[in-house]
N, C-alpha and C. Protein backbone atom coordinates (compact mmCIF):
# COMPACT_ATOMS: atom_id res chain seq x y z
N MET A 1 -8.14 3.68 27.03
CA MET A 1 -7.00 4.50 27.46
C MET A 1 -7.17 5.93 26.95
N ALA A 2 -6.99 6.90 27.84
CA ALA A 2 -7.13 8.28 27.42
C ALA A 2 -5.93 8.71 26.58
N GLY A 3 -4.80 8.11 26.82
CA GLY A 3 -3.59 8.45 26.07
C GLY A 3 -2.50 7.46 26.37
N ARG A 4 -1.40 7.57 25.69
CA ARG A 4 -0.30 6.64 25.89
C ARG A 4 0.41 6.90 27.21
N LEU A 5 0.95 5.84 27.79
CA LEU A 5 1.78 5.99 28.97
C LEU A 5 3.09 6.65 28.60
N LYS A 6 3.70 7.30 29.57
CA LYS A 6 4.96 7.98 29.32
C LYS A 6 6.08 6.96 29.13
N ALA A 7 6.81 7.07 28.03
CA ALA A 7 7.92 6.15 27.75
C ALA A 7 9.15 6.54 28.56
N PRO A 8 9.99 5.57 28.93
CA PRO A 8 11.20 5.88 29.69
C PRO A 8 12.20 6.64 28.84
N THR A 9 13.04 7.39 29.51
CA THR A 9 14.08 8.17 28.81
C THR A 9 15.45 7.68 29.25
N GLY A 10 16.50 8.19 28.59
CA GLY A 10 17.86 7.80 28.94
C GLY A 10 18.32 6.59 28.15
N ARG A 11 19.63 6.23 28.32
CA ARG A 11 20.21 5.12 27.59
C ARG A 11 20.12 3.85 28.43
N TYR A 12 19.91 2.74 27.72
CA TYR A 12 19.85 1.43 28.38
C TYR A 12 20.27 0.39 27.37
N GLY A 13 21.20 -0.50 27.78
CA GLY A 13 21.66 -1.53 26.86
C GLY A 13 22.35 -0.97 25.63
N GLY A 14 22.96 0.20 25.76
CA GLY A 14 23.67 0.81 24.63
C GLY A 14 22.76 1.51 23.64
N LYS A 15 21.45 1.59 23.92
CA LYS A 15 20.51 2.23 23.00
C LYS A 15 19.84 3.41 23.69
N SER A 16 19.59 4.45 22.92
CA SER A 16 18.89 5.61 23.45
C SER A 16 17.41 5.29 23.60
N ALA A 17 16.70 6.14 24.33
CA ALA A 17 15.26 5.95 24.50
C ALA A 17 14.55 5.97 23.15
N LYS A 18 14.99 6.84 22.26
CA LYS A 18 14.38 6.94 20.94
C LYS A 18 14.60 5.66 20.13
N GLU A 19 15.80 5.10 20.23
CA GLU A 19 16.10 3.85 19.53
C GLU A 19 15.29 2.69 20.08
N ARG A 20 15.15 2.65 21.40
CA ARG A 20 14.35 1.58 22.02
C ARG A 20 12.88 1.71 21.63
N GLN A 21 12.41 2.94 21.56
CA GLN A 21 11.02 3.16 21.17
C GLN A 21 10.78 2.71 19.74
N ALA A 22 11.70 3.04 18.84
CA ALA A 22 11.57 2.64 17.45
C ALA A 22 11.58 1.12 17.32
N GLU A 23 12.43 0.45 18.12
CA GLU A 23 12.49 -1.00 18.08
C GLU A 23 11.19 -1.63 18.60
N ARG A 24 10.65 -1.07 19.68
CA ARG A 24 9.38 -1.58 20.21
C ARG A 24 8.27 -1.41 19.18
N ARG A 25 8.24 -0.25 18.58
CA ARG A 25 7.20 0.01 17.58
C ARG A 25 7.31 -0.97 16.43
N ARG A 26 8.53 -1.21 15.96
CA ARG A 26 8.74 -2.16 14.86
C ARG A 26 8.27 -3.55 15.26
N ARG A 27 8.56 -3.97 16.48
CA ARG A 27 8.16 -5.30 16.93
C ARG A 27 6.65 -5.43 17.01
N PHE A 28 5.98 -4.37 17.47
CA PHE A 28 4.52 -4.41 17.50
C PHE A 28 3.93 -4.46 16.09
N LEU A 29 4.50 -3.71 15.18
CA LEU A 29 4.01 -3.72 13.80
C LEU A 29 4.30 -5.06 13.12
N ASP A 30 5.46 -5.64 13.40
CA ASP A 30 5.77 -6.97 12.86
C ASP A 30 4.78 -8.00 13.38
N GLY A 31 4.48 -7.92 14.68
CA GLY A 31 3.50 -8.84 15.26
C GLY A 31 2.12 -8.63 14.68
N ALA A 32 1.75 -7.36 14.45
CA ALA A 32 0.45 -7.06 13.87
C ALA A 32 0.35 -7.54 12.42
N LEU A 33 1.44 -7.44 11.68
CA LEU A 33 1.42 -7.94 10.30
C LEU A 33 1.09 -9.42 10.29
N GLN A 34 1.63 -10.16 11.26
CA GLN A 34 1.36 -11.59 11.33
C GLN A 34 -0.07 -11.88 11.82
N LEU A 35 -0.48 -11.23 12.89
CA LEU A 35 -1.79 -11.52 13.47
C LEU A 35 -2.93 -10.94 12.63
N PHE A 36 -2.79 -9.70 12.18
CA PHE A 36 -3.83 -9.09 11.36
C PHE A 36 -3.83 -9.67 9.95
N GLY A 37 -2.62 -9.95 9.43
CA GLY A 37 -2.51 -10.34 8.03
C GLY A 37 -2.59 -11.82 7.77
N ALA A 38 -2.31 -12.65 8.77
CA ALA A 38 -2.35 -14.10 8.56
C ALA A 38 -3.40 -14.78 9.43
N GLY A 39 -3.77 -14.19 10.49
CA GLY A 39 -4.77 -14.75 11.38
C GLY A 39 -4.41 -14.47 12.82
N PRO A 40 -5.41 -14.25 13.65
CA PRO A 40 -6.87 -14.34 13.42
C PRO A 40 -7.49 -13.10 12.80
N GLY A 41 -6.68 -12.14 12.37
CA GLY A 41 -7.20 -10.90 11.81
C GLY A 41 -7.30 -9.81 12.86
N TYR A 42 -7.51 -8.58 12.39
CA TYR A 42 -7.59 -7.44 13.30
C TYR A 42 -8.70 -7.62 14.33
N ARG A 43 -9.87 -8.02 13.88
CA ARG A 43 -11.02 -8.11 14.77
C ARG A 43 -10.90 -9.26 15.77
N GLY A 44 -10.04 -10.22 15.49
CA GLY A 44 -9.86 -11.34 16.40
C GLY A 44 -8.62 -11.25 17.27
N THR A 45 -7.94 -10.11 17.23
CA THR A 45 -6.70 -9.93 17.99
C THR A 45 -6.94 -9.06 19.20
N THR A 46 -6.31 -9.39 20.30
CA THR A 46 -6.36 -8.57 21.51
C THR A 46 -5.02 -7.91 21.75
N VAL A 47 -5.02 -6.90 22.60
CA VAL A 47 -3.76 -6.24 22.96
C VAL A 47 -2.81 -7.24 23.59
N ALA A 48 -3.34 -8.12 24.44
CA ALA A 48 -2.50 -9.12 25.09
C ALA A 48 -1.86 -10.05 24.08
N ALA A 49 -2.65 -10.48 23.08
CA ALA A 49 -2.12 -11.39 22.06
C ALA A 49 -1.05 -10.72 21.21
N LEU A 50 -1.28 -9.47 20.86
CA LEU A 50 -0.29 -8.74 20.06
C LEU A 50 0.99 -8.52 20.86
N SER A 51 0.84 -8.18 22.14
CA SER A 51 2.01 -7.97 22.99
C SER A 51 2.82 -9.24 23.10
N GLU A 52 2.13 -10.37 23.23
CA GLU A 52 2.83 -11.65 23.31
C GLU A 52 3.55 -11.95 22.01
N ALA A 53 2.89 -11.70 20.88
CA ALA A 53 3.52 -11.95 19.58
C ALA A 53 4.75 -11.07 19.38
N ALA A 54 4.71 -9.87 19.92
CA ALA A 54 5.85 -8.94 19.79
C ALA A 54 6.93 -9.22 20.83
N GLY A 55 6.62 -10.08 21.81
CA GLY A 55 7.58 -10.34 22.88
C GLY A 55 7.73 -9.17 23.83
N LEU A 56 6.65 -8.40 23.98
CA LEU A 56 6.66 -7.21 24.82
C LEU A 56 5.47 -7.25 25.77
N SER A 57 5.38 -6.29 26.64
CA SER A 57 4.30 -6.26 27.62
C SER A 57 3.17 -5.35 27.16
N THR A 58 2.01 -5.51 27.78
CA THR A 58 0.89 -4.63 27.45
C THR A 58 1.21 -3.19 27.89
N ARG A 59 1.98 -3.05 28.95
CA ARG A 59 2.39 -1.69 29.33
C ARG A 59 3.19 -1.03 28.21
N GLN A 60 4.11 -1.79 27.64
CA GLN A 60 4.90 -1.25 26.53
C GLN A 60 4.02 -0.95 25.32
N PHE A 61 2.97 -1.75 25.14
CA PHE A 61 2.03 -1.46 24.05
C PHE A 61 1.44 -0.07 24.22
N TYR A 62 0.96 0.22 25.43
CA TYR A 62 0.30 1.51 25.66
C TYR A 62 1.28 2.66 25.75
N GLU A 63 2.57 2.38 25.80
CA GLU A 63 3.57 3.43 25.66
C GLU A 63 3.70 3.87 24.20
N GLU A 64 3.30 2.98 23.26
CA GLU A 64 3.45 3.27 21.83
C GLU A 64 2.13 3.60 21.14
N PHE A 65 1.04 2.97 21.57
CA PHE A 65 -0.24 3.11 20.87
C PHE A 65 -1.38 3.30 21.88
N ARG A 66 -2.43 3.94 21.43
CA ARG A 66 -3.61 4.09 22.27
C ARG A 66 -4.53 2.87 22.15
N SER A 67 -4.54 2.24 20.98
CA SER A 67 -5.47 1.15 20.73
C SER A 67 -4.96 0.29 19.58
N LEU A 68 -5.61 -0.88 19.38
CA LEU A 68 -5.28 -1.73 18.24
C LEU A 68 -5.61 -1.03 16.92
N GLU A 69 -6.59 -0.16 16.95
CA GLU A 69 -6.92 0.59 15.73
C GLU A 69 -5.76 1.47 15.29
N ASP A 70 -5.05 2.03 16.27
CA ASP A 70 -3.86 2.83 15.95
C ASP A 70 -2.79 1.97 15.28
N VAL A 71 -2.67 0.72 15.74
CA VAL A 71 -1.69 -0.20 15.15
C VAL A 71 -2.08 -0.50 13.70
N LEU A 72 -3.35 -0.81 13.48
CA LEU A 72 -3.80 -1.11 12.12
C LEU A 72 -3.60 0.09 11.21
N ALA A 73 -3.87 1.29 11.71
CA ALA A 73 -3.68 2.50 10.91
C ALA A 73 -2.21 2.65 10.51
N ALA A 74 -1.31 2.45 11.46
CA ALA A 74 0.13 2.58 11.18
C ALA A 74 0.58 1.49 10.22
N LEU A 75 0.08 0.28 10.39
CA LEU A 75 0.48 -0.83 9.53
C LEU A 75 -0.02 -0.62 8.11
N HIS A 76 -1.23 -0.15 7.96
CA HIS A 76 -1.79 0.14 6.63
C HIS A 76 -0.93 1.16 5.89
N LEU A 77 -0.52 2.21 6.58
CA LEU A 77 0.34 3.22 5.94
C LEU A 77 1.72 2.65 5.63
N GLN A 78 2.23 1.79 6.51
CA GLN A 78 3.54 1.19 6.26
C GLN A 78 3.53 0.31 5.02
N VAL A 79 2.53 -0.53 4.90
CA VAL A 79 2.44 -1.44 3.75
C VAL A 79 2.31 -0.64 2.45
N ASN A 80 1.49 0.41 2.46
CA ASN A 80 1.37 1.25 1.28
C ASN A 80 2.67 1.99 0.99
N GLY A 81 3.38 2.37 2.05
CA GLY A 81 4.66 3.05 1.86
C GLY A 81 5.68 2.17 1.18
N TRP A 82 5.72 0.89 1.56
CA TRP A 82 6.62 -0.06 0.90
C TRP A 82 6.32 -0.14 -0.59
N SER A 83 5.05 -0.22 -0.93
CA SER A 83 4.66 -0.32 -2.34
C SER A 83 5.02 0.94 -3.11
N GLU A 84 4.80 2.09 -2.47
CA GLU A 84 5.11 3.35 -3.15
C GLU A 84 6.61 3.48 -3.40
N GLU A 85 7.42 3.06 -2.45
CA GLU A 85 8.88 3.10 -2.65
C GLU A 85 9.27 2.25 -3.86
N ALA A 86 8.68 1.07 -3.99
CA ALA A 86 8.98 0.19 -5.12
C ALA A 86 8.55 0.83 -6.43
N VAL A 87 7.39 1.46 -6.43
CA VAL A 87 6.88 2.11 -7.64
C VAL A 87 7.76 3.28 -8.06
N LEU A 88 8.12 4.12 -7.12
CA LEU A 88 8.95 5.29 -7.45
C LEU A 88 10.33 4.88 -7.94
N ALA A 89 10.87 3.82 -7.37
CA ALA A 89 12.17 3.33 -7.82
C ALA A 89 12.07 2.81 -9.25
N ALA A 90 11.00 2.07 -9.54
CA ALA A 90 10.82 1.55 -10.89
C ALA A 90 10.59 2.67 -11.89
N ALA A 91 9.82 3.68 -11.50
CA ALA A 91 9.55 4.82 -12.39
C ALA A 91 10.84 5.58 -12.71
N ALA A 92 11.72 5.70 -11.73
CA ALA A 92 12.98 6.41 -11.96
C ALA A 92 13.86 5.67 -12.95
N GLU A 93 13.80 4.35 -12.94
CA GLU A 93 14.63 3.55 -13.83
C GLU A 93 14.17 3.64 -15.29
N VAL A 94 12.90 3.96 -15.51
CA VAL A 94 12.37 4.02 -16.89
C VAL A 94 11.89 5.43 -17.22
N ALA A 95 12.56 6.42 -16.65
CA ALA A 95 12.12 7.81 -16.79
C ALA A 95 12.08 8.27 -18.25
N ASP A 96 12.95 7.72 -19.09
CA ASP A 96 13.03 8.17 -20.48
C ASP A 96 12.35 7.22 -21.46
N ARG A 97 11.57 6.27 -20.95
CA ARG A 97 10.91 5.29 -21.82
C ARG A 97 9.53 5.78 -22.26
N GLN A 98 8.97 5.08 -23.26
CA GLN A 98 7.62 5.40 -23.71
C GLN A 98 6.59 4.97 -22.67
N LEU A 99 5.38 5.48 -22.87
CA LEU A 99 4.31 5.27 -21.90
C LEU A 99 4.06 3.79 -21.61
N SER A 100 3.99 2.98 -22.65
CA SER A 100 3.68 1.56 -22.45
C SER A 100 4.75 0.88 -21.60
N GLU A 101 6.03 1.23 -21.82
CA GLU A 101 7.11 0.63 -21.04
C GLU A 101 7.09 1.13 -19.61
N ARG A 102 6.81 2.44 -19.44
CA ARG A 102 6.76 3.00 -18.09
C ARG A 102 5.62 2.36 -17.30
N ALA A 103 4.45 2.28 -17.93
CA ALA A 103 3.28 1.72 -17.24
C ALA A 103 3.54 0.27 -16.84
N THR A 104 4.15 -0.49 -17.73
CA THR A 104 4.44 -1.90 -17.43
C THR A 104 5.40 -2.01 -16.26
N ALA A 105 6.47 -1.21 -16.26
CA ALA A 105 7.45 -1.27 -15.18
C ALA A 105 6.84 -0.85 -13.85
N ILE A 106 6.03 0.18 -13.87
CA ILE A 106 5.43 0.70 -12.64
C ILE A 106 4.45 -0.30 -12.04
N PHE A 107 3.58 -0.85 -12.85
CA PHE A 107 2.57 -1.77 -12.31
C PHE A 107 3.17 -3.13 -11.98
N ARG A 108 4.21 -3.50 -12.69
CA ARG A 108 4.89 -4.75 -12.32
C ARG A 108 5.56 -4.59 -10.95
N ALA A 109 6.15 -3.42 -10.70
CA ALA A 109 6.78 -3.17 -9.41
C ALA A 109 5.74 -3.15 -8.30
N TYR A 110 4.61 -2.51 -8.54
CA TYR A 110 3.56 -2.45 -7.52
C TYR A 110 3.01 -3.84 -7.24
N ALA A 111 2.68 -4.56 -8.28
CA ALA A 111 2.09 -5.89 -8.10
C ALA A 111 3.06 -6.83 -7.40
N ALA A 112 4.32 -6.78 -7.79
CA ALA A 112 5.32 -7.66 -7.18
C ALA A 112 5.47 -7.36 -5.70
N ASN A 113 5.45 -6.07 -5.35
CA ASN A 113 5.63 -5.70 -3.95
C ASN A 113 4.44 -6.08 -3.10
N VAL A 114 3.24 -5.75 -3.56
CA VAL A 114 2.07 -5.96 -2.72
C VAL A 114 1.67 -7.43 -2.63
N THR A 115 2.04 -8.23 -3.64
CA THR A 115 1.69 -9.65 -3.61
C THR A 115 2.83 -10.52 -3.10
N ALA A 116 3.99 -9.92 -2.83
CA ALA A 116 5.13 -10.70 -2.35
C ALA A 116 4.83 -11.36 -1.01
N ASP A 117 3.96 -10.75 -0.24
CA ASP A 117 3.58 -11.26 1.08
C ASP A 117 2.06 -11.22 1.17
N PRO A 118 1.38 -12.36 1.21
CA PRO A 118 -0.09 -12.38 1.28
C PRO A 118 -0.65 -11.58 2.44
N ARG A 119 0.14 -11.40 3.48
CA ARG A 119 -0.34 -10.62 4.62
C ARG A 119 -0.52 -9.16 4.24
N ARG A 120 0.30 -8.66 3.33
CA ARG A 120 0.16 -7.27 2.90
C ARG A 120 -1.14 -7.07 2.12
N ILE A 121 -1.47 -8.06 1.29
CA ILE A 121 -2.73 -8.00 0.54
C ILE A 121 -3.91 -7.89 1.51
N ARG A 122 -3.89 -8.71 2.55
CA ARG A 122 -5.00 -8.73 3.50
C ARG A 122 -5.10 -7.41 4.26
N ILE A 123 -3.96 -6.85 4.65
CA ILE A 123 -3.98 -5.56 5.34
C ILE A 123 -4.53 -4.47 4.42
N THR A 124 -4.06 -4.45 3.18
CA THR A 124 -4.39 -3.38 2.24
C THR A 124 -5.83 -3.43 1.77
N PHE A 125 -6.34 -4.62 1.49
CA PHE A 125 -7.64 -4.75 0.82
C PHE A 125 -8.75 -5.34 1.67
N VAL A 126 -8.42 -5.91 2.83
CA VAL A 126 -9.45 -6.60 3.61
C VAL A 126 -9.58 -6.02 5.03
N GLU A 127 -8.53 -6.12 5.83
CA GLU A 127 -8.63 -5.77 7.24
C GLU A 127 -8.95 -4.30 7.48
N ILE A 128 -8.50 -3.43 6.60
CA ILE A 128 -8.69 -2.00 6.80
C ILE A 128 -10.12 -1.56 6.51
N VAL A 129 -10.88 -2.36 5.78
CA VAL A 129 -12.19 -1.93 5.28
C VAL A 129 -13.24 -2.00 6.39
N GLY A 130 -13.98 -0.90 6.56
CA GLY A 130 -15.13 -0.88 7.44
C GLY A 130 -14.85 -0.89 8.93
N VAL A 131 -13.60 -0.64 9.33
CA VAL A 131 -13.26 -0.69 10.76
C VAL A 131 -13.89 0.48 11.51
N SER A 132 -13.74 1.67 10.98
CA SER A 132 -14.26 2.87 11.64
C SER A 132 -14.26 4.01 10.63
N PRO A 133 -15.05 5.08 10.88
CA PRO A 133 -15.00 6.24 9.98
C PRO A 133 -13.59 6.79 9.82
N ARG A 134 -12.83 6.77 10.91
CA ARG A 134 -11.46 7.30 10.85
C ARG A 134 -10.60 6.50 9.89
N LEU A 135 -10.65 5.17 9.97
CA LEU A 135 -9.82 4.36 9.08
C LEU A 135 -10.36 4.34 7.66
N GLU A 136 -11.67 4.49 7.49
CA GLU A 136 -12.20 4.63 6.14
C GLU A 136 -11.68 5.90 5.48
N GLU A 137 -11.61 6.96 6.27
CA GLU A 137 -11.05 8.22 5.75
C GLU A 137 -9.59 8.03 5.37
N GLN A 138 -8.83 7.33 6.21
CA GLN A 138 -7.43 7.08 5.90
C GLN A 138 -7.29 6.22 4.65
N ARG A 139 -8.11 5.17 4.56
CA ARG A 139 -8.03 4.27 3.40
C ARG A 139 -8.30 5.03 2.10
N LEU A 140 -9.33 5.87 2.11
CA LEU A 140 -9.67 6.62 0.91
C LEU A 140 -8.63 7.69 0.60
N ALA A 141 -8.08 8.31 1.67
CA ALA A 141 -7.04 9.32 1.46
C ALA A 141 -5.78 8.68 0.87
N ARG A 142 -5.45 7.48 1.35
CA ARG A 142 -4.26 6.80 0.81
C ARG A 142 -4.49 6.37 -0.62
N ARG A 143 -5.70 5.94 -0.94
CA ARG A 143 -6.02 5.60 -2.32
C ARG A 143 -5.94 6.83 -3.21
N ALA A 144 -6.36 7.99 -2.68
CA ALA A 144 -6.27 9.23 -3.44
C ALA A 144 -4.82 9.56 -3.79
N GLN A 145 -3.89 9.19 -2.90
CA GLN A 145 -2.47 9.42 -3.20
C GLN A 145 -2.02 8.55 -4.38
N TRP A 146 -2.52 7.31 -4.45
CA TRP A 146 -2.21 6.48 -5.61
C TRP A 146 -2.81 7.07 -6.88
N ILE A 147 -4.01 7.61 -6.76
CA ILE A 147 -4.65 8.25 -7.91
C ILE A 147 -3.81 9.45 -8.37
N ASP A 148 -3.34 10.24 -7.42
CA ASP A 148 -2.49 11.39 -7.76
C ASP A 148 -1.22 10.93 -8.49
N LEU A 149 -0.64 9.83 -8.02
CA LEU A 149 0.60 9.33 -8.63
C LEU A 149 0.35 8.94 -10.09
N VAL A 150 -0.73 8.21 -10.34
CA VAL A 150 -1.03 7.79 -11.71
C VAL A 150 -1.41 9.00 -12.56
N CYS A 151 -2.16 9.93 -11.99
CA CYS A 151 -2.53 11.13 -12.74
C CYS A 151 -1.29 11.93 -13.15
N ALA A 152 -0.27 11.94 -12.30
CA ALA A 152 0.97 12.63 -12.64
C ALA A 152 1.65 11.94 -13.83
N GLU A 153 1.63 10.61 -13.84
CA GLU A 153 2.19 9.88 -14.97
C GLU A 153 1.40 10.17 -16.25
N VAL A 154 0.10 10.24 -16.12
CA VAL A 154 -0.76 10.52 -17.27
C VAL A 154 -0.50 11.93 -17.79
N ALA A 155 -0.35 12.88 -16.88
CA ALA A 155 -0.08 14.27 -17.29
C ALA A 155 1.23 14.35 -18.06
N ALA A 156 2.23 13.60 -17.61
CA ALA A 156 3.50 13.58 -18.32
C ALA A 156 3.34 12.97 -19.71
N ALA A 157 2.49 11.94 -19.81
CA ALA A 157 2.24 11.32 -21.11
C ALA A 157 1.53 12.30 -22.04
N VAL A 158 0.61 13.08 -21.50
CA VAL A 158 -0.07 14.10 -22.30
C VAL A 158 0.94 15.13 -22.82
N ALA A 159 1.84 15.56 -21.93
CA ALA A 159 2.85 16.55 -22.32
C ALA A 159 3.76 16.03 -23.42
N ARG A 160 3.98 14.71 -23.45
CA ARG A 160 4.83 14.11 -24.48
C ARG A 160 4.05 13.78 -25.75
N GLY A 161 2.74 14.03 -25.74
CA GLY A 161 1.92 13.73 -26.91
C GLY A 161 1.51 12.27 -27.00
N GLU A 162 1.65 11.53 -25.89
CA GLU A 162 1.29 10.11 -25.90
C GLU A 162 -0.16 9.87 -25.49
N ALA A 163 -0.84 10.92 -25.08
CA ALA A 163 -2.24 10.81 -24.68
C ALA A 163 -2.95 12.11 -24.99
N ALA A 164 -4.23 12.00 -25.29
CA ALA A 164 -5.02 13.19 -25.60
C ALA A 164 -5.22 14.02 -24.34
N PRO A 165 -5.14 15.35 -24.46
CA PRO A 165 -5.32 16.20 -23.28
C PRO A 165 -6.77 16.23 -22.82
N ARG A 166 -7.03 15.83 -21.59
CA ARG A 166 -8.34 15.93 -20.96
C ARG A 166 -8.17 15.64 -19.47
N ASP A 167 -9.23 15.79 -18.71
CA ASP A 167 -9.18 15.50 -17.29
C ASP A 167 -9.36 13.99 -17.11
N TYR A 168 -8.32 13.31 -16.63
CA TYR A 168 -8.35 11.85 -16.51
C TYR A 168 -8.64 11.36 -15.08
N ARG A 169 -8.89 12.28 -14.15
CA ARG A 169 -8.97 11.84 -12.75
C ARG A 169 -10.08 10.82 -12.51
N LEU A 170 -11.25 11.03 -13.10
CA LEU A 170 -12.34 10.08 -12.90
C LEU A 170 -11.98 8.71 -13.48
N ALA A 171 -11.38 8.71 -14.66
CA ALA A 171 -10.99 7.46 -15.30
C ALA A 171 -9.90 6.75 -14.49
N VAL A 172 -8.96 7.52 -13.97
CA VAL A 172 -7.88 6.93 -13.17
C VAL A 172 -8.44 6.37 -11.86
N THR A 173 -9.41 7.05 -11.27
CA THR A 173 -10.04 6.55 -10.05
C THR A 173 -10.68 5.19 -10.31
N ALA A 174 -11.38 5.06 -11.43
CA ALA A 174 -11.99 3.77 -11.78
C ALA A 174 -10.90 2.73 -12.04
N PHE A 175 -9.82 3.14 -12.66
CA PHE A 175 -8.72 2.23 -12.96
C PHE A 175 -8.07 1.70 -11.69
N ILE A 176 -7.86 2.58 -10.70
CA ILE A 176 -7.26 2.14 -9.44
C ILE A 176 -8.17 1.12 -8.75
N GLY A 177 -9.48 1.32 -8.86
CA GLY A 177 -10.41 0.32 -8.32
C GLY A 177 -10.22 -1.02 -8.99
N SER A 178 -9.98 -1.00 -10.30
CA SER A 178 -9.74 -2.25 -11.05
C SER A 178 -8.44 -2.91 -10.60
N VAL A 179 -7.40 -2.11 -10.37
CA VAL A 179 -6.12 -2.63 -9.90
C VAL A 179 -6.31 -3.35 -8.57
N ASN A 180 -6.95 -2.68 -7.63
CA ASN A 180 -7.14 -3.26 -6.30
C ASN A 180 -7.97 -4.54 -6.36
N GLY A 181 -9.07 -4.48 -7.10
CA GLY A 181 -9.95 -5.63 -7.18
C GLY A 181 -9.30 -6.83 -7.85
N LEU A 182 -8.60 -6.58 -8.95
CA LEU A 182 -7.99 -7.69 -9.68
C LEU A 182 -6.85 -8.33 -8.89
N LEU A 183 -6.02 -7.51 -8.26
CA LEU A 183 -4.92 -8.07 -7.47
C LEU A 183 -5.43 -8.83 -6.25
N HIS A 184 -6.47 -8.32 -5.62
CA HIS A 184 -7.04 -9.04 -4.48
C HIS A 184 -7.60 -10.38 -4.92
N ASP A 185 -8.37 -10.39 -6.02
CA ASP A 185 -8.96 -11.64 -6.50
C ASP A 185 -7.89 -12.62 -6.97
N TRP A 186 -6.83 -12.10 -7.58
CA TRP A 186 -5.74 -12.98 -8.02
C TRP A 186 -5.08 -13.63 -6.80
N SER A 187 -4.82 -12.83 -5.77
CA SER A 187 -4.15 -13.37 -4.59
C SER A 187 -5.03 -14.39 -3.87
N ALA A 188 -6.35 -14.24 -4.00
CA ALA A 188 -7.28 -15.18 -3.35
C ALA A 188 -7.51 -16.44 -4.18
N GLY A 189 -6.90 -16.50 -5.37
CA GLY A 189 -7.03 -17.69 -6.20
C GLY A 189 -8.23 -17.69 -7.12
N TRP A 190 -8.88 -16.54 -7.26
CA TRP A 190 -10.08 -16.46 -8.09
C TRP A 190 -9.77 -16.10 -9.55
N VAL A 191 -8.53 -15.77 -9.85
CA VAL A 191 -8.15 -15.39 -11.22
C VAL A 191 -7.14 -16.40 -11.74
N ASP A 192 -7.47 -17.08 -12.81
CA ASP A 192 -6.60 -18.10 -13.40
C ASP A 192 -5.64 -17.44 -14.38
N ALA A 193 -4.58 -16.87 -13.84
CA ALA A 193 -3.59 -16.17 -14.67
C ALA A 193 -2.32 -16.01 -13.84
N THR A 194 -1.21 -15.80 -14.53
CA THR A 194 0.03 -15.49 -13.83
C THR A 194 0.01 -14.01 -13.43
N LEU A 195 0.90 -13.63 -12.52
CA LEU A 195 0.95 -12.23 -12.12
C LEU A 195 1.36 -11.34 -13.29
N ASP A 196 2.25 -11.82 -14.14
CA ASP A 196 2.64 -11.05 -15.33
C ASP A 196 1.45 -10.83 -16.25
N GLU A 197 0.60 -11.84 -16.38
CA GLU A 197 -0.59 -11.69 -17.23
C GLU A 197 -1.56 -10.68 -16.63
N VAL A 198 -1.67 -10.68 -15.31
CA VAL A 198 -2.51 -9.70 -14.63
C VAL A 198 -1.99 -8.29 -14.88
N VAL A 199 -0.67 -8.10 -14.73
CA VAL A 199 -0.08 -6.79 -14.96
C VAL A 199 -0.27 -6.35 -16.41
N ASP A 200 -0.05 -7.26 -17.34
CA ASP A 200 -0.22 -6.91 -18.76
C ASP A 200 -1.65 -6.46 -19.04
N GLU A 201 -2.62 -7.10 -18.41
CA GLU A 201 -4.01 -6.72 -18.61
C GLU A 201 -4.29 -5.34 -18.02
N LEU A 202 -3.71 -5.07 -16.88
CA LEU A 202 -3.88 -3.74 -16.27
C LEU A 202 -3.26 -2.65 -17.15
N VAL A 203 -2.10 -2.94 -17.73
CA VAL A 203 -1.47 -1.96 -18.62
C VAL A 203 -2.35 -1.73 -19.85
N ARG A 204 -2.93 -2.80 -20.40
CA ARG A 204 -3.83 -2.62 -21.54
C ARG A 204 -5.04 -1.77 -21.17
N LEU A 205 -5.56 -1.96 -19.97
CA LEU A 205 -6.68 -1.14 -19.51
C LEU A 205 -6.29 0.34 -19.47
N LEU A 206 -5.11 0.62 -18.90
CA LEU A 206 -4.68 2.00 -18.79
C LEU A 206 -4.45 2.62 -20.16
N LEU A 207 -3.79 1.89 -21.04
CA LEU A 207 -3.52 2.43 -22.38
C LEU A 207 -4.81 2.63 -23.16
N GLY A 208 -5.81 1.79 -22.87
CA GLY A 208 -7.10 1.96 -23.53
C GLY A 208 -7.81 3.22 -23.07
N ILE A 209 -7.56 3.63 -21.83
CA ILE A 209 -8.15 4.86 -21.30
C ILE A 209 -7.51 6.08 -21.94
N LEU A 210 -6.21 5.99 -22.20
CA LEU A 210 -5.46 7.13 -22.71
C LEU A 210 -5.48 7.13 -24.23
N GLN A 211 -6.43 7.79 -24.80
CA GLN A 211 -6.49 7.89 -26.25
C GLN A 211 -5.36 8.78 -26.74
N PRO A 212 -4.48 8.27 -27.58
CA PRO A 212 -3.33 9.08 -28.01
C PRO A 212 -3.74 10.30 -28.82
N ALA A 213 -3.00 11.39 -28.61
CA ALA A 213 -3.25 12.60 -29.39
C ALA A 213 -2.94 12.36 -30.85
N ASP A 214 -1.97 11.53 -31.13
CA ASP A 214 -1.58 11.16 -32.48
C ASP A 214 -1.96 9.71 -32.69
N PRO A 215 -2.84 9.37 -33.65
CA PRO A 215 -3.27 7.98 -33.83
C PRO A 215 -2.13 7.03 -34.15
N ARG A 216 -0.97 7.58 -34.55
CA ARG A 216 0.17 6.70 -34.85
C ARG A 216 0.88 6.24 -33.59
N VAL A 217 0.57 6.89 -32.44
CA VAL A 217 1.19 6.51 -31.18
C VAL A 217 0.33 5.42 -30.57
N THR A 218 0.86 4.21 -30.45
CA THR A 218 0.11 3.08 -29.92
C THR A 218 0.94 2.33 -28.90
N GLY A 219 0.26 1.60 -28.06
CA GLY A 219 0.94 0.75 -27.09
C GLY A 219 1.03 -0.65 -27.65
N PRO A 220 1.56 -1.61 -26.84
CA PRO A 220 1.72 -2.98 -27.29
C PRO A 220 0.37 -3.70 -27.40
């Protein structure tokens, strides 16, 4: 398809064209979460199958998306957006706490959100990988946003004297890789631990990276 078909305008069934479009888009993304995230996966799904799962037509599909890759791209950003909302809410609740408490609350919120639905894990860590240069760029750009978020937390810890001042971006990049890998392996059943134990280990990793400016400042 060179581009999307023109969507209808005007009110129908008490809903505006914009409201109907948003509902169609949501239904396609809900269907994609099931098909891409639970089976048969992105590579095994067709436009016809996704349209059927959404209870819509293929014509309506092409009114919203150019391709299944566009759907996967939108779904990947949506799943990450849900996790980021959970993290920011948790960070706001512990804004005045020490680093160890903040880190625990933040990573517990992230882990709880992303593992609450196994389909989200698959979208975030499996289906998005290696699809195309475009989606690889999106995946890495979205990961960079997580790195920026953690770096901001680290910078605040440095300002409070809870960590030694230095450039932590490389260390945080490696840490985010550990977060992704450990949570994926845990969800796949390869890690014999509870989710709380996984989060506690991740917090210990982060605190180990952040050497305190004052040796009397320690984490749990």
